[in-house]
Amino acid sequence: MPKQVDPKTIMVVKLRTLGDVLTTFPLLRALKELHPEAKLIMVADGAYQDLFTTHARVDEFWAHPAQQLKNGGTWYRLQQHFAFIRNLRRRKVDLFIDLYGSMRTAAWGALAGVPVRMGFNLRGRKYFYTHRVTAQHRYVVDLNLQFARGLGWTGTDNSLEFFLSPADREAANAHLQAQGWDGKQPLLVMSPGGGWPLKCWAPGHFAAVAQRLAAQTGARVVLSGAPHEQPLIDVCARVLGSAAISAVGLPLRHVAAIIALSRLFLGNDSGPKYFAEAFGVPTLICYGPTDYRNNNPDSPRHRVAGVDLACRPCHSEQCRQARRICLDDLAEETVYNSAMELWKPREARS
């Protein structure tokens, strides 16, 4: 591995989802520890540009036009592909780290002539890299940190981080107070969405658990989700009534600031849980077809719920069984009891 590299400019590429982007932050920190004078460029989908406006490690953000590429034709996609390569060549990047690992992103660094190109040892794509990383970890954060270790990083810190501004915190407080929060009631943030439907425990189950938690603890329940998840939010809101606060459609930075104020995050395997991890907020995540060993840290503060089966994790968007046992048979009582166990340690200290 290229441990003697002394780059002046480093580029890290990670496209797609919120969780994918947030789990790169420990690697970005490690790279800056290794090369504090180097310019660090992050490439991610444009929807996540605001996550980097106060990022203490990243010097530049390059927005990948994911939605435009999806809607554009073949010629448009080719134009954007080669425009990126031209810009990359002009920027004179010394070290290119491809965490996404598609044929397209792997080709970017090679066609731009970047001298040191690192990526996962994947079939076909590996030939575009000068140095390849073979996965030795399941947890995605540790997997990403293998790139820093290949460059000589010897640290042990794999904690997540996120950088809020005073304006973010003020906006979060204002939003909560506008919906009746008095600043003293404990907050439970609940996210009943999470990518494709097979990953999601039924919103009615989430609502029933949250209703019991609110009655037991006096908490207000903040319902978080993307605008397209509004139907799931509506199911929960109808059950919770006045205990519910909606955070649907808020900027991600403001959602992060609300989560930072909370006592517990409850949801499916989705991106917002990484905000909770970054702020030390306990999480209880319901897992179906995805693998908790990939996406949850090994910590008593972060627990998982699900039904263990030989067929999971299948990582599939369509269940091959007669019915989806992995989440449909997850009992509300099980989730409620786990949530209360996570809630009590803080209660005892307060």
Protein backbone atom coordinates (compact mmCIF):
# COMPACT_ATOMS: atom_id res chain seq x y z
CA MET A 1 0.00 0.00 0.00
CA PRO A 2 1.18 3.60 -0.70
CA LYS A 3 2.37 4.54 2.81
CA GLN A 4 5.01 6.98 1.50
CA VAL A 5 2.53 9.13 -0.45
CA ASP A 6 2.64 12.85 0.39
CA PRO A 7 -0.30 14.26 -1.59
CA LYS A 8 -1.07 17.92 -2.02
CA THR A 9 -4.64 17.20 -3.12
CA ILE A 10 -6.83 14.24 -2.11
CA MET A 11 -10.20 13.35 -3.62
CA VAL A 12 -12.69 10.97 -1.95
CA VAL A 13 -15.67 9.71 -3.95
CA LYS A 14 -18.81 8.32 -2.31
CA LEU A 15 -22.11 8.56 -4.16
CA ARG A 16 -25.70 7.59 -3.35
CA THR A 17 -27.34 7.72 0.06
CA LEU A 18 -27.18 9.85 3.20
CA GLY A 19 -25.83 6.98 5.29
CA ASP A 20 -23.16 6.20 2.70
CA VAL A 21 -21.94 9.79 2.88
CA LEU A 22 -22.04 10.17 6.68
CA THR A 23 -20.03 6.99 7.21
CA THR A 24 -17.12 8.50 5.27
CA PHE A 25 -16.57 11.21 7.91
CA PRO A 26 -14.18 9.16 10.11
CA LEU A 27 -12.04 8.46 7.03
CA LEU A 28 -11.98 12.17 6.16
CA ARG A 29 -10.80 12.91 9.71
CA ALA A 30 -8.07 10.27 9.47
CA LEU A 31 -6.87 11.60 6.11
CA LYS A 32 -6.54 15.11 7.56
CA GLU A 33 -4.63 13.71 10.52
CA LEU A 34 -2.22 12.06 8.09
CA HIS A 35 -1.93 15.00 5.69
CA PRO A 36 -3.09 18.19 7.44
CA GLU A 37 -1.72 20.46 4.69
CA ALA A 38 -3.35 18.58 1.81
CA LYS A 39 -6.49 19.93 0.13
CA LEU A 40 -9.31 17.44 0.67
CA ILE A 41 -12.06 17.26 -1.97
CA MET A 42 -15.29 15.30 -1.38
CA VAL A 43 -17.41 14.08 -4.29
CA ALA A 44 -20.99 13.11 -3.40
CA ASP A 45 -24.50 13.55 -4.74
CA GLY A 46 -25.48 17.21 -4.88
CA ALA A 47 -28.39 16.60 -2.49
CA TYR A 48 -25.84 16.34 0.35
CA GLN A 49 -23.83 19.47 -0.34
CA ASP A 50 -25.23 21.22 2.74
CA LEU A 51 -23.70 18.54 4.96
CA PHE A 52 -20.28 19.97 4.12
CA THR A 53 -20.87 23.70 4.56
CA THR A 54 -19.29 23.64 8.03
CA HIS A 55 -17.23 20.47 7.66
CA ALA A 56 -13.93 20.93 9.50
CA ARG A 57 -12.01 18.48 7.29
CA VAL A 58 -13.25 19.09 3.74
CA ASP A 59 -11.84 21.97 1.70
CA GLU A 60 -13.95 21.53 -1.45
CA PHE A 61 -17.19 19.78 -2.35
CA TRP A 62 -17.90 18.56 -5.88
CA ALA A 63 -21.60 17.93 -6.45
CA HIS A 64 -22.41 14.85 -8.48
CA PRO A 65 -25.59 15.55 -10.54
CA ALA A 66 -27.31 12.26 -9.69
CA GLN A 67 -30.89 13.37 -10.44
CA GLN A 68 -29.95 15.10 -13.69
CA LEU A 69 -28.06 12.00 -14.85
CA LYS A 70 -31.07 9.84 -14.02
CA ASN A 71 -33.39 12.04 -16.07
CA GLY A 72 -30.92 12.76 -18.92
CA GLY A 73 -30.23 10.65 -21.97
CA THR A 74 -27.16 8.64 -22.87
CA TRP A 75 -25.45 11.55 -24.64
CA TYR A 76 -25.97 13.83 -21.65
CA ARG A 77 -24.53 11.20 -19.28
CA LEU A 78 -21.46 10.77 -21.48
CA GLN A 79 -20.94 14.54 -21.61
CA GLN A 80 -21.11 14.79 -17.81
CA HIS A 81 -18.78 11.81 -17.40
CA PHE A 82 -16.04 13.32 -19.55
CA ALA A 83 -16.57 16.83 -18.15
CA PHE A 84 -15.85 15.42 -14.69
CA ILE A 85 -12.68 13.75 -15.94
CA ARG A 86 -11.48 17.02 -17.54
CA ASN A 87 -12.10 18.93 -14.31
CA LEU A 88 -10.33 16.25 -12.31
CA ARG A 89 -7.30 16.44 -14.61
CA ARG A 90 -7.18 20.25 -14.30
CA ARG A 91 -7.38 20.05 -10.51
CA LYS A 92 -4.18 17.95 -10.42
CA VAL A 93 -5.36 15.49 -7.78
CA ASP A 94 -2.50 13.34 -6.37
CA LEU A 95 -4.54 10.75 -4.47
CA PHE A 96 -7.93 9.43 -5.62
CA ILE A 97 -9.95 7.24 -3.21
CA ASP A 98 -13.00 5.58 -4.76
CA LEU A 99 -15.32 4.34 -2.01
CA TYR A 100 -18.25 3.92 -4.39
CA GLY A 101 -16.60 1.38 -6.64
CA SER A 102 -18.65 1.48 -9.84
CA MET A 103 -17.03 1.05 -13.24
CA ARG A 104 -17.74 4.73 -13.88
CA THR A 105 -16.17 6.12 -10.70
CA ALA A 106 -13.23 3.71 -10.96
CA ALA A 107 -12.52 5.00 -14.47
CA TRP A 108 -12.56 8.66 -13.38
CA GLY A 109 -9.21 8.60 -11.63
CA ALA A 110 -7.50 6.42 -14.26
CA LEU A 111 -8.68 8.47 -17.26
CA ALA A 112 -7.70 11.69 -15.49
CA GLY A 113 -4.19 10.34 -14.92
CA VAL A 114 -4.23 10.57 -11.11
CA PRO A 115 -0.93 8.94 -10.01
CA VAL A 116 -2.25 7.13 -6.90
CA ARG A 117 -5.71 5.58 -7.16
CA MET A 118 -7.20 3.46 -4.38
CA GLY A 119 -10.34 1.34 -4.48
CA PHE A 120 -11.82 -1.95 -3.34
CA ASN A 121 -10.51 -5.16 -4.87
CA LEU A 122 -13.64 -5.73 -6.97
CA ARG A 123 -13.90 -7.67 -10.21
CA GLY A 124 -13.25 -5.53 -13.27
CA ARG A 125 -13.01 -2.25 -11.41
CA LYS A 126 -9.80 -3.18 -9.59
CA TYR A 127 -7.78 -2.75 -12.79
CA PHE A 128 -8.42 1.01 -12.73
CA TYR A 129 -6.66 1.37 -9.36
CA THR A 130 -2.95 1.49 -8.57
CA HIS A 131 -3.63 0.18 -5.05
CA ARG A 132 -6.46 -2.14 -4.01
CA VAL A 133 -8.10 -2.66 -0.64
CA THR A 134 -9.50 -6.06 0.32
CA ALA A 135 -12.36 -5.85 2.80
CA GLN A 136 -11.33 -7.03 6.27
CA HIS A 137 -14.22 -5.53 8.28
CA ARG A 138 -18.01 -5.73 8.26
CA TYR A 139 -18.84 -2.38 9.89
CA VAL A 140 -18.83 0.17 7.09
CA VAL A 141 -16.89 2.82 9.03
CA ASP A 142 -14.03 0.41 9.74
CA LEU A 143 -14.18 -0.73 6.12
CA ASN A 144 -13.65 2.83 4.94
CA LEU A 145 -10.86 3.41 7.45
CA GLN A 146 -8.85 0.62 5.78
CA PHE A 147 -7.91 3.20 3.13
CA ALA A 148 -6.36 5.44 5.80
CA ARG A 149 -4.52 2.48 7.29
CA GLY A 150 -3.13 1.65 3.87
CA LEU A 151 -1.69 5.16 3.82
CA GLY A 152 -0.03 4.76 7.22
CA TRP A 153 -2.74 5.90 9.66
CA THR A 154 -2.37 4.08 12.98
CA GLY A 155 -5.24 5.68 14.92
CA THR A 156 -8.12 3.87 16.62
CA ASP A 157 -10.91 6.47 16.53
CA ASN A 158 -13.82 5.19 14.41
CA SER A 159 -16.44 7.48 15.93
CA LEU A 160 -18.78 9.40 13.68
CA GLU A 161 -18.93 13.18 13.74
CA PHE A 162 -21.05 15.97 12.37
CA PHE A 163 -20.53 19.74 12.44
CA LEU A 164 -23.49 21.90 13.42
CA SER A 165 -23.51 25.68 13.32
CA PRO A 166 -25.24 27.92 15.90
CA ALA A 167 -27.77 28.77 13.18
CA ASP A 168 -28.60 25.06 12.77
CA ARG A 169 -29.27 24.72 16.48
CA GLU A 170 -31.37 27.88 16.57
CA ALA A 171 -33.47 26.72 13.61
CA ALA A 172 -34.05 23.33 15.22
CA ASN A 173 -35.17 24.91 18.49
CA ALA A 174 -37.46 27.33 16.68
CA HIS A 175 -39.10 24.53 14.71
CA LEU A 176 -39.71 22.45 17.82
CA GLN A 177 -41.05 25.37 19.84
CA ALA A 178 -43.41 26.36 17.02
CA GLN A 179 -45.02 22.93 17.48
CA GLY A 180 -45.41 23.25 21.23
CA TRP A 181 -42.14 21.92 22.62
CA ASP A 182 -41.33 23.66 25.89
CA GLY A 183 -37.58 23.00 25.80
CA LYS A 184 -37.76 20.68 28.80
CA GLN A 185 -39.74 17.69 27.55
CA PRO A 186 -37.47 14.83 26.48
CA LEU A 187 -37.47 14.11 22.77
CA LEU A 188 -37.80 10.77 21.01
CA VAL A 189 -36.92 11.01 17.31
CA MET A 190 -38.61 8.33 15.22
CA SER A 191 -38.01 7.62 11.54
CA PRO A 192 -40.48 5.03 10.17
CA GLY A 193 -39.10 5.19 6.60
CA GLY A 194 -35.85 3.85 5.26
CA GLY A 195 -35.28 3.26 1.58
CA TRP A 196 -37.23 0.45 -0.01
CA PRO A 197 -40.45 -0.86 1.64
CA LEU A 198 -39.08 -4.30 2.53
CA LYS A 199 -36.66 -2.61 4.98
CA CYS A 200 -39.43 -0.91 6.94
CA TRP A 201 -41.19 -2.19 10.03
CA ALA A 202 -44.87 -1.27 9.81
CA PRO A 203 -45.53 2.38 10.79
CA GLY A 204 -48.43 1.29 12.99
CA HIS A 205 -46.01 -0.76 15.09
CA PHE A 206 -43.65 2.19 15.42
CA ALA A 207 -46.55 4.41 16.43
CA ALA A 208 -47.78 1.97 19.10
CA VAL A 209 -44.30 1.72 20.63
CA ALA A 210 -43.81 5.50 20.55
CA GLN A 211 -47.20 6.04 22.14
CA ARG A 212 -46.25 3.80 25.08
CA LEU A 213 -42.86 5.49 25.41
CA ALA A 214 -44.45 8.94 25.41
CA ALA A 215 -46.96 7.90 28.05
CA GLN A 216 -44.23 6.37 30.23
CA THR A 217 -41.61 9.13 29.89
CA GLY A 218 -43.50 12.31 29.00
CA ALA A 219 -41.55 12.55 25.75
CA ARG A 220 -42.57 14.42 22.63
CA VAL A 221 -42.12 12.30 19.51
CA VAL A 222 -40.42 13.94 16.53
CA LEU A 223 -41.39 12.22 13.29
CA SER A 224 -38.59 12.43 10.78
CA GLY A 225 -38.58 11.46 7.12
CA ALA A 226 -38.24 12.54 3.52
CA PRO A 227 -41.27 14.14 1.81
CA HIS A 228 -42.04 10.93 -0.11
CA GLU A 229 -42.36 9.14 3.26
CA GLN A 230 -45.24 11.38 4.35
CA PRO A 231 -47.81 8.53 4.21
CA LEU A 232 -45.79 6.62 6.83
CA ILE A 233 -45.53 9.76 8.95
CA ASP A 234 -49.29 10.30 8.70
CA VAL A 235 -49.99 6.83 10.12
CA CYS A 236 -47.82 7.60 13.13
CA ALA A 237 -49.20 11.11 13.60
CA ARG A 238 -52.78 9.86 13.73
CA VAL A 239 -51.92 7.48 16.57
CA LEU A 240 -49.71 9.90 18.52
CA GLY A 241 -51.93 12.97 18.26
CA SER A 242 -50.62 15.94 20.25
CA ALA A 243 -47.48 14.08 21.31
CA ALA A 244 -46.15 14.23 17.72
CA ILE A 245 -43.96 16.88 16.11
CA SER A 246 -43.27 16.70 12.39
CA ALA A 247 -39.79 17.26 10.99
CA VAL A 248 -40.63 16.09 7.47
CA GLY A 249 -38.98 18.11 4.73
CA LEU A 250 -36.61 20.04 6.99
CA PRO A 251 -33.03 20.62 5.79
CA LEU A 252 -30.83 17.70 6.83
CA ARG A 253 -28.70 19.95 9.00
CA HIS A 254 -31.78 20.97 11.02
CA VAL A 255 -32.86 17.33 11.35
CA ALA A 256 -29.37 16.58 12.67
CA ALA A 257 -29.69 19.41 15.22
CA ILE A 258 -33.04 18.02 16.43
CA ILE A 259 -31.57 14.53 16.77
CA ALA A 260 -28.70 16.03 18.79
CA LEU A 261 -31.29 17.24 21.33
CA SER A 262 -33.03 13.88 21.64
CA ARG A 263 -32.86 11.10 24.24
CA LEU A 264 -33.36 8.23 21.78
CA PHE A 265 -33.51 7.57 18.05
CA LEU A 266 -35.90 4.82 16.92
CA GLY A 267 -36.18 3.77 13.29
CA ASN A 268 -35.33 1.46 10.44
CA ASP A 269 -31.92 1.00 8.88
CA SER A 270 -31.58 4.45 7.29
CA GLY A 271 -29.25 7.43 7.07
CA PRO A 272 -30.52 9.63 9.95
CA LYS A 273 -29.41 7.08 12.55
CA TYR A 274 -25.82 8.08 11.79
CA PHE A 275 -26.59 11.61 13.04
CA ALA A 276 -27.64 10.03 16.34
CA GLU A 277 -24.40 8.03 16.51
CA ALA A 278 -22.40 11.19 15.83
CA PHE A 279 -24.00 12.99 18.79
CA GLY A 280 -23.88 10.08 21.23
CA VAL A 281 -27.67 9.59 21.16
CA PRO A 282 -28.73 5.97 21.78
CA THR A 283 -30.29 4.23 18.79
CA LEU A 284 -32.67 1.32 18.41
CA ILE A 285 -32.81 0.15 14.79
CA CYS A 286 -35.18 -2.42 13.28
CA TYR A 287 -33.40 -4.62 10.75
CA GLY A 288 -34.99 -6.82 8.12
CA PRO A 289 -33.16 -7.69 4.89
CA THR A 290 -30.00 -5.66 5.62
CA ASP A 291 -27.10 -6.66 7.87
CA TYR A 292 -26.72 -4.92 11.22
CA ARG A 293 -23.06 -5.98 11.30
CA ASN A 294 -22.44 -3.72 8.31
CA ASN A 295 -24.37 -0.71 9.57
CA ASN A 296 -24.40 -0.70 13.37
CA PRO A 297 -21.39 -0.04 15.63
CA ASP A 298 -20.52 -2.56 18.30
CA SER A 299 -21.73 -0.52 21.26
CA PRO A 300 -24.31 -1.07 24.03
CA ARG A 301 -25.61 2.42 23.23
CA HIS A 302 -26.74 1.23 19.79
CA ARG A 303 -29.07 -1.76 19.70
CA VAL A 304 -30.82 -3.72 16.99
CA ALA A 305 -34.20 -5.42 16.75
CA GLY A 306 -35.29 -8.07 14.28
CA VAL A 307 -36.10 -11.73 13.83
CA ASP A 308 -33.10 -13.96 13.15
CA LEU A 309 -33.61 -16.23 10.16
CA ALA A 310 -31.37 -18.36 7.96
CA CYS A 311 -32.38 -16.29 4.91
CA ARG A 312 -31.27 -12.95 6.28
CA PRO A 313 -29.56 -10.73 5.53
CA CYS A 314 -30.71 -11.08 1.93
CA HIS A 315 -30.23 -7.41 0.91
CA SER A 316 -33.16 -7.89 -1.45
CA GLU A 317 -35.97 -5.51 -2.34
CA GLN A 318 -38.35 -8.47 -2.78
CA CYS A 319 -38.89 -11.18 -0.17
CA ARG A 320 -38.44 -14.72 -1.48
CA GLN A 321 -40.46 -16.22 1.37
CA ALA A 322 -44.23 -16.57 1.57
CA ARG A 323 -44.21 -13.57 3.90
CA ARG A 324 -41.67 -11.18 5.40
CA ILE A 325 -41.07 -12.87 8.76
CA CYS A 326 -37.87 -10.91 9.59
CA LEU A 327 -39.82 -7.74 10.35
CA ASP A 328 -43.49 -8.74 10.34
CA ASP A 329 -42.93 -11.07 13.30
CA LEU A 330 -40.98 -8.46 15.27
CA ALA A 331 -43.11 -7.88 18.36
CA GLU A 332 -43.98 -4.38 19.60
CA GLU A 333 -43.26 -5.55 23.16
CA THR A 334 -39.71 -6.51 22.18
CA VAL A 335 -39.01 -3.10 20.68
CA TYR A 336 -40.65 -1.25 23.57
CA ASN A 337 -38.63 -3.14 26.19
CA SER A 338 -35.37 -2.46 24.32
CA ALA A 339 -36.26 1.21 24.01
CA MET A 340 -36.94 1.52 27.74
CA GLU A 341 -33.63 -0.18 28.55
CA LEU A 342 -31.83 2.43 26.46
CA TRP A 343 -33.85 5.25 28.02
CA LYS A 344 -33.28 4.31 31.68
CA PRO A 345 -29.49 4.84 32.00
CA ARG A 346 -29.86 8.53 31.17
CA GLU A 347 -32.90 8.77 33.41
CA ALA A 348 -30.84 7.39 36.29
CA ARG A 349 -28.12 10.01 35.77
CA SER A 350 -30.48 12.97 35.45
